[in-house]
Amino acid sequence: MSDECDPVAPAADADDPTRWLHRLRNELNTVSMACAAAEAVLDAGSADKAQTNLRRAQAACARAAALLAQAPPRG
């Protein structure tokens, strides 16, 4: 899961819009899956596991924001 990766590689994808978009999509998928998992474990009564998944979603949001700040130039 992408939440195990450290922060976004600085400008590494600035020259490769396809790779940049792929990484952005991965982060958004991580957010979606982590939120769904948080909801499921909350329904099962596990607030601790829900918090873990919410932290995972927050980290992915931060990585997505960093990627957006490094968006490749549009041409």
Protein backbone atom coordinates (compact mmCIF):
# COMPACT_ATOMS: atom_id res chain seq x y z
CA MET A 1 0.00 0.00 0.00
CA SER A 2 1.34 3.43 -0.84
CA ASP A 3 1.09 4.68 2.74
CA GLU A 4 4.29 2.76 3.44
CA CYS A 5 6.21 4.96 1.00
CA ASP A 6 7.87 8.04 2.31
CA PRO A 7 6.97 11.49 1.04
CA VAL A 8 6.69 12.18 -2.62
CA ALA A 9 9.98 12.10 -4.49
CA PRO A 10 10.90 15.70 -5.26
CA ALA A 11 10.20 16.57 -8.88
CA ALA A 12 11.10 13.02 -9.93
CA ASP A 13 7.93 12.81 -12.00
CA ALA A 14 7.99 16.38 -13.31
CA ASP A 15 9.32 15.10 -16.64
CA ASP A 16 6.95 12.13 -16.79
CA PRO A 17 3.29 13.20 -16.64
CA THR A 18 2.09 9.60 -17.03
CA ARG A 19 4.06 8.45 -13.98
CA TRP A 20 2.93 11.52 -12.00
CA LEU A 21 -0.73 10.84 -12.82
CA HIS A 22 -0.31 7.17 -11.90
CA ARG A 23 1.13 8.12 -8.49
CA LEU A 24 -1.67 10.63 -7.89
CA ARG A 25 -4.28 8.01 -8.73
CA ASN A 26 -2.60 5.55 -6.37
CA GLU A 27 -2.82 8.03 -3.50
CA LEU A 28 -6.48 8.76 -4.20
CA ASN A 29 -7.17 5.03 -4.30
CA THR A 30 -5.42 4.68 -0.93
CA VAL A 31 -7.69 7.38 0.50
CA SER A 32 -10.78 5.66 -0.86
CA MET A 33 -9.81 2.22 0.41
CA ALA A 34 -8.70 3.47 3.83
CA CYS A 35 -11.98 5.35 4.32
CA ALA A 36 -13.99 2.27 3.32
CA ALA A 37 -11.94 0.15 5.70
CA ALA A 38 -12.44 2.67 8.51
CA GLU A 39 -16.18 2.56 7.95
CA ALA A 40 -16.22 -1.24 7.96
CA VAL A 41 -14.22 -1.60 11.16
CA LEU A 42 -16.30 1.08 12.85
CA ASP A 43 -19.40 -0.97 11.98
CA ALA A 44 -17.66 -3.92 13.61
CA GLY A 45 -16.96 -1.84 16.72
CA SER A 46 -13.21 -1.31 16.40
CA ALA A 47 -12.45 2.36 16.88
CA ASP A 48 -8.69 1.71 17.10
CA LYS A 49 -8.58 0.06 13.68
CA ALA A 50 -10.75 2.84 12.28
CA GLN A 51 -8.29 5.45 13.57
CA THR A 52 -5.42 3.57 11.93
CA ASN A 53 -7.23 3.67 8.61
CA LEU A 54 -8.10 7.34 9.02
CA ARG A 55 -4.42 8.11 9.63
CA ARG A 56 -3.61 6.14 6.47
CA ALA A 57 -6.13 8.26 4.54
CA GLN A 58 -4.73 11.50 5.97
CA ALA A 59 -1.18 10.51 4.99
CA ALA A 60 -2.31 9.69 1.45
CA CYS A 61 -4.07 13.06 1.24
CA ALA A 62 -0.84 14.78 2.26
CA ARG A 63 1.11 12.84 -0.38
CA ALA A 64 -1.50 13.69 -3.02
CA ALA A 65 -1.26 17.38 -2.09
CA ALA A 66 2.54 17.19 -2.41
CA LEU A 67 2.16 15.57 -5.82
CA LEU A 68 -0.20 18.34 -6.91
CA ALA A 69 2.40 20.90 -5.85
CA GLN A 70 4.86 19.12 -8.17
CA ALA A 71 2.49 18.83 -11.12
CA PRO A 72 4.26 18.51 -14.43
CA PRO A 73 3.91 21.48 -16.74
CA ARG A 74 0.98 21.28 -19.10
CA GLY A 75 1.97 21.40 -22.67
